[in-house]
Amino acid sequence: MTAPASSGPNPLCDVGRTHPRDRHRMRPVEGELGVWVCDRHGLFARVEEPGKAAELERGDPMPLHDGGAGVMVRTGDERPGGVLLYYRAAG
């Protein structure tokens, strides 16, 4: 991933996007630029290049930012340097 100098404000948690009563923002992952986490729901989000983001669909394997196995959850909004992707640990 090519991370921009700033990838914008913390994104809304994917769960909060669809459930207004649980609307909250994710927090940055320490040491990772353009990666956020929601500890409450076990979700991550990161900025990916548009071409790579277009290749992924819900349920596709997606490596975690730390190298572990993950699963694509959904595509989010456009950010500087790419598209926001939501994902979670596989399992």
PDB file of N, CA and C in Angstrom:
ATOM      1  N   MET A   1       0.839  -1.178   0.000  1.00  0.00           N
ATOM      2  CA  MET A   1       0.000   0.000   0.000  1.00  0.00           C
ATOM      3  C   MET A   1       0.877   1.232   0.000  1.00  0.00           C
ATOM      4  N   THR A   2       0.531   2.197  -0.757  1.00  0.00           N
ATOM      5  CA  THR A   2       1.194   3.485  -0.761  1.00  0.00           C
ATOM      6  C   THR A   2       0.377   4.421   0.108  1.00  0.00           C
ATOM      7  N   ALA A   3       0.887   4.712   1.290  1.00  0.00           N
ATOM      8  CA  ALA A   3       0.129   5.521   2.237  1.00  0.00           C
ATOM      9  C   ALA A   3       0.380   7.000   2.009  1.00  0.00           C
ATOM     10  N   PRO A   4      -0.675   7.797   1.957  1.00  0.00           N
ATOM     11  CA  PRO A   4      -0.516   9.243   1.820  1.00  0.00           C
ATOM     12  C   PRO A   4      -0.061   9.853   3.141  1.00  0.00           C
ATOM     13  N   ALA A   5       0.387  11.098   3.082  1.00  0.00           N
ATOM     14  CA  ALA A   5       0.814  11.785   4.298  1.00  0.00           C
ATOM     15  C   ALA A   5      -0.346  11.957   5.263  1.00  0.00           C
ATOM     16  N   SER A   6      -1.546  12.185   4.749  1.00  0.00           N
ATOM     17  CA  SER A   6      -2.745  12.299   5.567  1.00  0.00           C
ATOM     18  C   SER A   6      -3.870  11.579   4.848  1.00  0.00           C
ATOM     19  N   SER A   7      -4.555  10.709   5.540  1.00  0.00           N
ATOM     20  CA  SER A   7      -5.630   9.968   4.894  1.00  0.00           C
ATOM     21  C   SER A   7      -6.998  10.408   5.382  1.00  0.00           C
ATOM     22  N   GLY A   8      -7.068  11.611   5.909  1.00  0.00           N
ATOM     23  CA  GLY A   8      -8.350  12.174   6.280  1.00  0.00           C
ATOM     24  C   GLY A   8      -8.759  11.855   7.700  1.00  0.00           C
ATOM     25  N   PRO A   9      -9.972  12.257   8.063  1.00  0.00           N
ATOM     26  CA  PRO A   9     -10.467  12.036   9.423  1.00  0.00           C
ATOM     27  C   PRO A   9     -10.734  10.554   9.680  1.00  0.00           C
ATOM     28  N   ASN A  10     -10.805  10.216  10.951  1.00  0.00           N
ATOM     29  CA  ASN A  10     -11.120   8.830  11.311  1.00  0.00           C
ATOM     30  C   ASN A  10     -12.464   8.448  10.707  1.00  0.00           C
ATOM     31  N   PRO A  11     -12.530   7.287  10.049  1.00  0.00           N
ATOM     32  CA  PRO A  11     -13.795   6.884   9.424  1.00  0.00           C
ATOM     33  C   PRO A  11     -14.806   6.407  10.456  1.00  0.00           C
ATOM     34  N   LEU A  12     -16.064   6.465  10.073  1.00  0.00           N
ATOM     35  CA  LEU A  12     -17.106   5.865  10.902  1.00  0.00           C
ATOM     36  C   LEU A  12     -16.922   4.359  10.883  1.00  0.00           C
ATOM     37  N   CYS A  13     -17.219   3.692  11.978  1.00  0.00           N
ATOM     38  CA  CYS A  13     -17.217   2.239  12.022  1.00  0.00           C
ATOM     39  C   CYS A  13     -18.278   1.748  11.041  1.00  0.00           C
ATOM     40  N   ASP A  14     -18.002   0.660  10.343  1.00  0.00           N
ATOM     41  CA  ASP A  14     -18.953   0.119   9.365  1.00  0.00           C
ATOM     42  C   ASP A  14     -20.276  -0.235  10.028  1.00  0.00           C
ATOM     43  N   VAL A  15     -20.244  -0.723  11.246  1.00  0.00           N
ATOM     44  CA  VAL A  15     -21.476  -1.053  11.964  1.00  0.00           C
ATOM     45  C   VAL A  15     -22.282   0.216  12.215  1.00  0.00           C
ATOM     46  N   GLY A  16     -21.610   1.281  12.618  1.00  0.00           N
ATOM     47  CA  GLY A  16     -22.282   2.546  12.873  1.00  0.00           C
ATOM     48  C   GLY A  16     -22.864   3.189  11.623  1.00  0.00           C
ATOM     49  N   ARG A  17     -22.297   2.869  10.472  1.00  0.00           N
ATOM     50  CA  ARG A  17     -22.823   3.407   9.213  1.00  0.00           C
ATOM     51  C   ARG A  17     -24.217   2.862   8.933  1.00  0.00           C
ATOM     52  N   THR A  18     -24.472   1.625   9.339  1.00  0.00           N
ATOM     53  CA  THR A  18     -25.754   0.982   9.059  1.00  0.00           C
ATOM     54  C   THR A  18     -26.695   0.946  10.260  1.00  0.00           C
ATOM     55  N   HIS A  19     -26.181   1.205  11.444  1.00  0.00           N
ATOM     56  CA  HIS A  19     -26.994   1.215  12.666  1.00  0.00           C
ATOM     57  C   HIS A  19     -26.797   2.556  13.369  1.00  0.00           C
ATOM     58  N   PRO A  20     -27.624   3.547  13.074  1.00  0.00           N
ATOM     59  CA  PRO A  20     -27.433   4.905  13.606  1.00  0.00           C
ATOM     60  C   PRO A  20     -27.309   4.986  15.123  1.00  0.00           C
ATOM     61  N   ARG A  21     -27.898   4.081  15.849  1.00  0.00           N
ATOM     62  CA  ARG A  21     -27.787   4.135  17.318  1.00  0.00           C
ATOM     63  C   ARG A  21     -26.396   3.751  17.801  1.00  0.00           C
ATOM     64  N   ASP A  22     -25.611   3.138  16.920  1.00  0.00           N
ATOM     65  CA  ASP A  22     -24.250   2.718  17.271  1.00  0.00           C
ATOM     66  C   ASP A  22     -23.227   3.483  16.432  1.00  0.00           C
ATOM     67  N   ARG A  23     -23.534   4.730  16.130  1.00  0.00           N
ATOM     68  CA  ARG A  23     -22.669   5.540  15.270  1.00  0.00           C
ATOM     69  C   ARG A  23     -21.458   6.012  16.063  1.00  0.00           C
ATOM     70  N   HIS A  24     -20.285   5.591  15.631  1.00  0.00           N
ATOM     71  CA  HIS A  24     -19.041   5.994  16.276  1.00  0.00           C
ATOM     72  C   HIS A  24     -17.896   5.909  15.263  1.00  0.00           C
ATOM     73  N   ARG A  25     -16.791   6.530  15.594  1.00  0.00           N
ATOM     74  CA  ARG A  25     -15.625   6.551  14.713  1.00  0.00           C
ATOM     75  C   ARG A  25     -14.583   5.534  15.171  1.00  0.00           C
ATOM     76  N   MET A  26     -13.828   5.070  14.194  1.00  0.00           N
ATOM     77  CA  MET A  26     -12.734   4.153  14.469  1.00  0.00           C
ATOM     78  C   MET A  26     -11.537   4.971  14.948  1.00  0.00           C
ATOM     79  N   ARG A  27     -10.576   4.303  15.573  1.00  0.00           N
ATOM     80  CA  ARG A  27      -9.384   5.019  16.020  1.00  0.00           C
ATOM     81  C   ARG A  27      -8.169   4.530  15.235  1.00  0.00           C
ATOM     82  N   PRO A  28      -7.160   5.395  15.078  1.00  0.00           N
ATOM     83  CA  PRO A  28      -5.970   5.002  14.315  1.00  0.00           C
ATOM     84  C   PRO A  28      -5.227   3.840  14.990  1.00  0.00           C
ATOM     85  N   VAL A  29      -4.649   2.973  14.173  1.00  0.00           N
ATOM     86  CA  VAL A  29      -3.790   1.903  14.674  1.00  0.00           C
ATOM     87  C   VAL A  29      -2.401   2.502  14.844  1.00  0.00           C
ATOM     88  N   GLU A  30      -1.862   2.408  16.042  1.00  0.00           N
ATOM     89  CA  GLU A  30      -0.560   2.997  16.340  1.00  0.00           C
ATOM     90  C   GLU A  30       0.523   2.382  15.450  1.00  0.00           C
ATOM     91  N   GLY A  31       1.305   3.253  14.835  1.00  0.00           N
ATOM     92  CA  GLY A  31       2.398   2.812  13.982  1.00  0.00           C
ATOM     93  C   GLY A  31       2.003   2.480  12.554  1.00  0.00           C
ATOM     94  N   GLU A  32       0.722   2.615  12.209  1.00  0.00           N
ATOM     95  CA  GLU A  32       0.236   2.317  10.861  1.00  0.00           C
ATOM     96  C   GLU A  32      -0.484   3.545  10.314  1.00  0.00           C
ATOM     97  N   LEU A  33       0.054   4.144   9.269  1.00  0.00           N
ATOM     98  CA  LEU A  33      -0.571   5.307   8.658  1.00  0.00           C
ATOM     99  C   LEU A  33      -1.694   4.860   7.734  1.00  0.00           C
ATOM    100  N   GLY A  34      -2.864   5.448   7.884  1.00  0.00           N
ATOM    101  CA  GLY A  34      -3.999   5.103   7.029  1.00  0.00           C
ATOM    102  C   GLY A  34      -4.670   3.803   7.394  1.00  0.00           C
ATOM    103  N   VAL A  35      -4.541   3.376   8.659  1.00  0.00           N
ATOM    104  CA  VAL A  35      -5.206   2.157   9.149  1.00  0.00           C
ATOM    105  C   VAL A  35      -5.918   2.501  10.449  1.00  0.00           C
ATOM    106  N   TRP A  36      -7.186   2.077  10.571  1.00  0.00           N
ATOM    107  CA  TRP A  36      -7.988   2.339  11.762  1.00  0.00           C
ATOM    108  C   TRP A  36      -8.572   1.040  12.294  1.00  0.00           C
ATOM    109  N   VAL A  37      -8.958   1.055  13.572  1.00  0.00           N
ATOM    110  CA  VAL A  37      -9.532  -0.122  14.208  1.00  0.00           C
ATOM    111  C   VAL A  37     -10.766   0.262  15.013  1.00  0.00           C
ATOM    112  N   CYS A  38     -11.719  -0.651  15.076  1.00  0.00           N
ATOM    113  CA  CYS A  38     -12.850  -0.549  15.995  1.00  0.00           C
ATOM    114  C   CYS A  38     -12.763  -1.766  16.902  1.00  0.00           C
ATOM    115  N   ASP A  39     -12.293  -1.549  18.117  1.00  0.00           N
ATOM    116  CA  ASP A  39     -12.161  -2.651  19.076  1.00  0.00           C
ATOM    117  C   ASP A  39     -13.520  -3.223  19.457  1.00  0.00           C
ATOM    118  N   ARG A  40     -14.535  -2.399  19.461  1.00  0.00           N
ATOM    119  CA  ARG A  40     -15.878  -2.834  19.847  1.00  0.00           C
ATOM    120  C   ARG A  40     -16.427  -3.906  18.906  1.00  0.00           C
ATOM    121  N   HIS A  41     -16.129  -3.781  17.595  1.00  0.00           N
ATOM    122  CA  HIS A  41     -16.682  -4.706  16.600  1.00  0.00           C
ATOM    123  C   HIS A  41     -15.634  -5.555  15.888  1.00  0.00           C
ATOM    124  N   GLY A  42     -14.370  -5.419  16.247  1.00  0.00           N
ATOM    125  CA  GLY A  42     -13.323  -6.219  15.633  1.00  0.00           C
ATOM    126  C   GLY A  42     -13.097  -5.920  14.166  1.00  0.00           C
ATOM    127  N   LEU A  43     -13.314  -4.666  13.775  1.00  0.00           N
ATOM    128  CA  LEU A  43     -13.152  -4.254  12.380  1.00  0.00           C
ATOM    129  C   LEU A  43     -11.927  -3.371  12.206  1.00  0.00           C
ATOM    130  N   PHE A  44     -11.367  -3.424  11.014  1.00  0.00           N
ATOM    131  CA  PHE A  44     -10.276  -2.551  10.623  1.00  0.00           C
ATOM    132  C   PHE A  44     -10.686  -1.835   9.341  1.00  0.00           C
ATOM    133  N   ALA A  45     -10.008  -0.749   9.055  1.00  0.00           N
ATOM    134  CA  ALA A  45     -10.191  -0.033   7.791  1.00  0.00           C
ATOM    135  C   ALA A  45      -8.829   0.479   7.368  1.00  0.00           C
ATOM    136  N   ARG A  46      -8.585   0.477   6.062  1.00  0.00           N
ATOM    137  CA  ARG A  46      -7.345   1.042   5.554  1.00  0.00           C
ATOM    138  C   ARG A  46      -7.560   1.563   4.149  1.00  0.00           C
ATOM    139  N   VAL A  47      -6.661   2.432   3.743  1.00  0.00           N
ATOM    140  CA  VAL A  47      -6.710   3.030   2.418  1.00  0.00           C
ATOM    141  C   VAL A  47      -5.915   2.144   1.463  1.00  0.00           C
ATOM    142  N   GLU A  48      -6.550   1.752   0.369  1.00  0.00           N
ATOM    143  CA  GLU A  48      -5.902   0.949  -0.675  1.00  0.00           C
ATOM    144  C   GLU A  48      -5.964   1.690  -1.992  1.00  0.00           C
ATOM    145  N   GLU A  49      -5.053   1.373  -2.881  1.00  0.00           N
ATOM    146  CA  GLU A  49      -5.055   1.959  -4.218  1.00  0.00           C
ATOM    147  C   GLU A  49      -6.365   1.590  -4.907  1.00  0.00           C
ATOM    148  N   PRO A  50      -6.934   2.507  -5.699  1.00  0.00           N
ATOM    149  CA  PRO A  50      -8.231   2.245  -6.337  1.00  0.00           C
ATOM    150  C   PRO A  50      -8.273   0.964  -7.179  1.00  0.00           C
ATOM    151  N   GLY A  51      -7.209   0.659  -7.897  1.00  0.00           N
ATOM    152  CA  GLY A  51      -7.181  -0.548  -8.729  1.00  0.00           C
ATOM    153  C   GLY A  51      -7.285  -1.818  -7.898  1.00  0.00           C
ATOM    154  N   LYS A  52      -6.552  -1.871  -6.803  1.00  0.00           N
ATOM    155  CA  LYS A  52      -6.592  -3.039  -5.922  1.00  0.00           C
ATOM    156  C   LYS A  52      -7.949  -3.136  -5.224  1.00  0.00           C
ATOM    157  N   ALA A  53      -8.480  -1.996  -4.798  1.00  0.00           N
ATOM    158  CA  ALA A  53      -9.780  -1.982  -4.118  1.00  0.00           C
ATOM    159  C   ALA A  53     -10.887  -2.488  -5.038  1.00  0.00           C
ATOM    160  N   ALA A  54     -10.808  -2.164  -6.329  1.00  0.00           N
ATOM    161  CA  ALA A  54     -11.831  -2.583  -7.291  1.00  0.00           C
ATOM    162  C   ALA A  54     -11.829  -4.090  -7.513  1.00  0.00           C
ATOM    163  N   GLU A  55     -10.713  -4.749  -7.246  1.00  0.00           N
ATOM    164  CA  GLU A  55     -10.599  -6.199  -7.438  1.00  0.00           C
ATOM    165  C   GLU A  55     -11.231  -6.992  -6.297  1.00  0.00           C
ATOM    166  N   LEU A  56     -11.417  -6.367  -5.141  1.00  0.00           N
ATOM    167  CA  LEU A  56     -11.904  -7.081  -3.959  1.00  0.00           C
ATOM    168  C   LEU A  56     -13.415  -6.952  -3.792  1.00  0.00           C
ATOM    169  N   GLU A  57     -14.027  -8.035  -3.352  1.00  0.00           N
ATOM    170  CA  GLU A  57     -15.454  -8.053  -3.044  1.00  0.00           C
ATOM    171  C   GLU A  57     -15.649  -8.590  -1.633  1.00  0.00           C
ATOM    172  N   ARG A  58     -16.828  -8.368  -1.091  1.00  0.00           N
ATOM    173  CA  ARG A  58     -17.164  -8.851   0.250  1.00  0.00           C
ATOM    174  C   ARG A  58     -16.877 -10.346   0.356  1.00  0.00           C
ATOM    175  N   GLY A  59     -16.163 -10.741   1.418  1.00  0.00           N
ATOM    176  CA  GLY A  59     -15.835 -12.145   1.661  1.00  0.00           C
ATOM    177  C   GLY A  59     -14.526 -12.594   1.061  1.00  0.00           C
ATOM    178  N   ASP A  60     -13.896 -11.767   0.211  1.00  0.00           N
ATOM    179  CA  ASP A  60     -12.602 -12.119  -0.369  1.00  0.00           C
ATOM    180  C   ASP A  60     -11.519 -12.083   0.701  1.00  0.00           C
ATOM    181  N   PRO A  61     -10.517 -12.952   0.568  1.00  0.00           N
ATOM    182  CA  PRO A  61      -9.376 -12.886   1.496  1.00  0.00           C
ATOM    183  C   PRO A  61      -8.656 -11.550   1.336  1.00  0.00           C
ATOM    184  N   MET A  62      -8.239 -10.995   2.451  1.00  0.00           N
ATOM    185  CA  MET A  62      -7.514  -9.724   2.442  1.00  0.00           C
ATOM    186  C   MET A  62      -6.536  -9.752   3.600  1.00  0.00           C
ATOM    187  N   PRO A  63      -5.245  -9.624   3.342  1.00  0.00           N
ATOM    188  CA  PRO A  63      -4.281  -9.689   4.433  1.00  0.00           C
ATOM    189  C   PRO A  63      -4.475  -8.537   5.425  1.00  0.00           C
ATOM    190  N   LEU A  64      -4.324  -8.836   6.693  1.00  0.00           N
ATOM    191  CA  LEU A  64      -4.371  -7.798   7.717  1.00  0.00           C
ATOM    192  C   LEU A  64      -3.144  -6.909   7.587  1.00  0.00           C
ATOM    193  N   HIS A  65      -3.207  -5.739   8.152  1.00  0.00           N
ATOM    194  CA  HIS A  65      -2.089  -4.807   8.109  1.00  0.00           C
ATOM    195  C   HIS A  65      -0.854  -5.370   8.806  1.00  0.00           C
ATOM    196  N   ASP A  66      -1.042  -6.327   9.734  1.00  0.00           N
ATOM    197  CA  ASP A  66       0.090  -6.929  10.441  1.00  0.00           C
ATOM    198  C   ASP A  66       0.543  -8.243   9.810  1.00  0.00           C
ATOM    199  N   GLY A  67      -0.022  -8.588   8.642  1.00  0.00           N
ATOM    200  CA  GLY A  67       0.389  -9.790   7.929  1.00  0.00           C
ATOM    201  C   GLY A  67      -0.490 -11.003   8.158  1.00  0.00           C
ATOM    202  N   GLY A  68      -1.420 -10.939   9.105  1.00  0.00           N
ATOM    203  CA  GLY A  68      -2.334 -12.051   9.374  1.00  0.00           C
ATOM    204  C   GLY A  68      -3.393 -12.192   8.284  1.00  0.00           C
ATOM    205  N   ALA A  69      -4.217 -13.232   8.419  1.00  0.00           N
ATOM    206  CA  ALA A  69      -5.284 -13.490   7.448  1.00  0.00           C
ATOM    207  C   ALA A  69      -6.513 -12.658   7.790  1.00  0.00           C
ATOM    208  N   GLY A  70      -7.090 -12.038   6.776  1.00  0.00           N
ATOM    209  CA  GLY A  70      -8.277 -11.223   6.964  1.00  0.00           C
ATOM    210  C   GLY A  70      -9.307 -11.485   5.883  1.00  0.00           C
ATOM    211  N   VAL A  71     -10.477 -10.873   6.063  1.00  0.00           N
ATOM    212  CA  VAL A  71     -11.590 -11.006   5.129  1.00  0.00           C
ATOM    213  C   VAL A  71     -12.146  -9.618   4.849  1.00  0.00           C
ATOM    214  N   MET A  72     -12.367  -9.331   3.577  1.00  0.00           N
ATOM    215  CA  MET A  72     -12.946  -8.052   3.156  1.00  0.00           C
ATOM    216  C   MET A  72     -14.398  -7.961   3.617  1.00  0.00           C
ATOM    217  N   VAL A  73     -14.774  -6.817   4.187  1.00  0.00           N
ATOM    218  CA  VAL A  73     -16.147  -6.604   4.655  1.00  0.00           C
ATOM    219  C   VAL A  73     -16.916  -5.716   3.676  1.00  0.00           C
ATOM    220  N   ARG A  74     -16.363  -4.534   3.351  1.00  0.00           N
ATOM    221  CA  ARG A  74     -17.038  -3.649   2.401  1.00  0.00           C
ATOM    222  C   ARG A  74     -16.098  -2.540   1.959  1.00  0.00           C
ATOM    223  N   THR A  75     -16.485  -1.860   0.900  1.00  0.00           N
ATOM    224  CA  THR A  75     -15.756  -0.701   0.396  1.00  0.00           C
ATOM    225  C   THR A  75     -16.373   0.551   0.996  1.00  0.00           C
ATOM    226  N   GLY A  76     -15.526   1.467   1.412  1.00  0.00           N
ATOM    227  CA  GLY A  76     -15.996   2.719   1.981  1.00  0.00           C
ATOM    228  C   GLY A  76     -15.812   3.873   1.013  1.00  0.00           C
ATOM    229  N   ASP A  77     -15.600   5.055   1.554  1.00  0.00           N
ATOM    230  CA  ASP A  77     -15.488   6.256   0.733  1.00  0.00           C
ATOM    231  C   ASP A  77     -14.079   6.412   0.153  1.00  0.00           C
ATOM    232  N   GLU A  78     -13.969   7.341  -0.799  1.00  0.00           N
ATOM    233  CA  GLU A  78     -12.671   7.657  -1.380  1.00  0.00           C
ATOM    234  C   GLU A  78     -11.903   8.532  -0.410  1.00  0.00           C
ATOM    235  N   ARG A  79     -10.610   8.291  -0.344  1.00  0.00           N
ATOM    236  CA  ARG A  79      -9.703   9.048   0.515  1.00  0.00           C
ATOM    237  C   ARG A  79      -8.521   9.514  -0.314  1.00  0.00           C
ATOM    238  N   PRO A  80      -7.758  10.474   0.189  1.00  0.00           N
ATOM    239  CA  PRO A  80      -6.538  10.852  -0.526  1.00  0.00           C
ATOM    240  C   PRO A  80      -5.639   9.619  -0.669  1.00  0.00           C
ATOM    241  N   GLY A  81      -5.285   9.283  -1.884  1.00  0.00           N
ATOM    242  CA  GLY A  81      -4.407   8.142  -2.127  1.00  0.00           C
ATOM    243  C   GLY A  81      -5.123   6.837  -2.374  1.00  0.00           C
ATOM    244  N   GLY A  82      -6.447   6.804  -2.301  1.00  0.00           N
ATOM    245  CA  GLY A  82      -7.129   5.543  -2.562  1.00  0.00           C
ATOM    246  C   GLY A  82      -8.552   5.471  -2.068  1.00  0.00           C
ATOM    247  N   VAL A  83      -8.961   4.254  -1.760  1.00  0.00           N
ATOM    248  CA  VAL A  83     -10.323   3.947  -1.332  1.00  0.00           C
ATOM    249  C   VAL A  83     -10.258   3.265   0.029  1.00  0.00           C
ATOM    250  N   LEU A  84     -11.163   3.611   0.916  1.00  0.00           N
ATOM    251  CA  LEU A  84     -11.216   3.013   2.238  1.00  0.00           C
ATOM    252  C   LEU A  84     -11.853   1.622   2.141  1.00  0.00           C
ATOM    253  N   LEU A  85     -11.165   0.619   2.679  1.00  0.00           N
ATOM    254  CA  LEU A  85     -11.697  -0.744   2.719  1.00  0.00           C
ATOM    255  C   LEU A  85     -11.851  -1.179   4.162  1.00  0.00           C
ATOM    256  N   TYR A  86     -12.994  -1.784   4.476  1.00  0.00           N
ATOM    257  CA  TYR A  86     -13.238  -2.341   5.799  1.00  0.00           C
ATOM    258  C   TYR A  86     -12.951  -3.837   5.744  1.00  0.00           C
ATOM    259  N   TYR A  87     -12.290  -4.360   6.764  1.00  0.00           N
ATOM    260  CA  TYR A  87     -11.966  -5.775   6.813  1.00  0.00           C
ATOM    261  C   TYR A  87     -11.887  -6.241   8.264  1.00  0.00           C
ATOM    262  N   ARG A  88     -11.852  -7.550   8.449  1.00  0.00           N
ATOM    263  CA  ARG A  88     -11.766  -8.128   9.797  1.00  0.00           C
ATOM    264  C   ARG A  88     -10.839  -9.334   9.730  1.00  0.00           C
ATOM    265  N   ALA A  89     -10.432  -9.817  10.893  1.00  0.00           N
ATOM    266  CA  ALA A  89      -9.605 -11.017  10.950  1.00  0.00           C
ATOM    267  C   ALA A  89     -10.416 -12.220  10.494  1.00  0.00           C
ATOM    268  N   ALA A  90      -9.781 -13.119   9.761  1.00  0.00           N
ATOM    269  CA  ALA A  90     -10.452 -14.338   9.295  1.00  0.00           C
ATOM    270  C   ALA A  90     -10.640 -15.276  10.489  1.00  0.00           C
ATOM    271  N   GLY A  91     -11.720 -16.040  10.416  1.00  0.00           N
ATOM    272  CA  GLY A  91     -11.898 -17.025  11.471  1.00  0.00           C
ATOM    273  C   GLY A  91     -13.160 -17.012  12.106  1.00  0.00           C
TER     274      GLY A  91
END
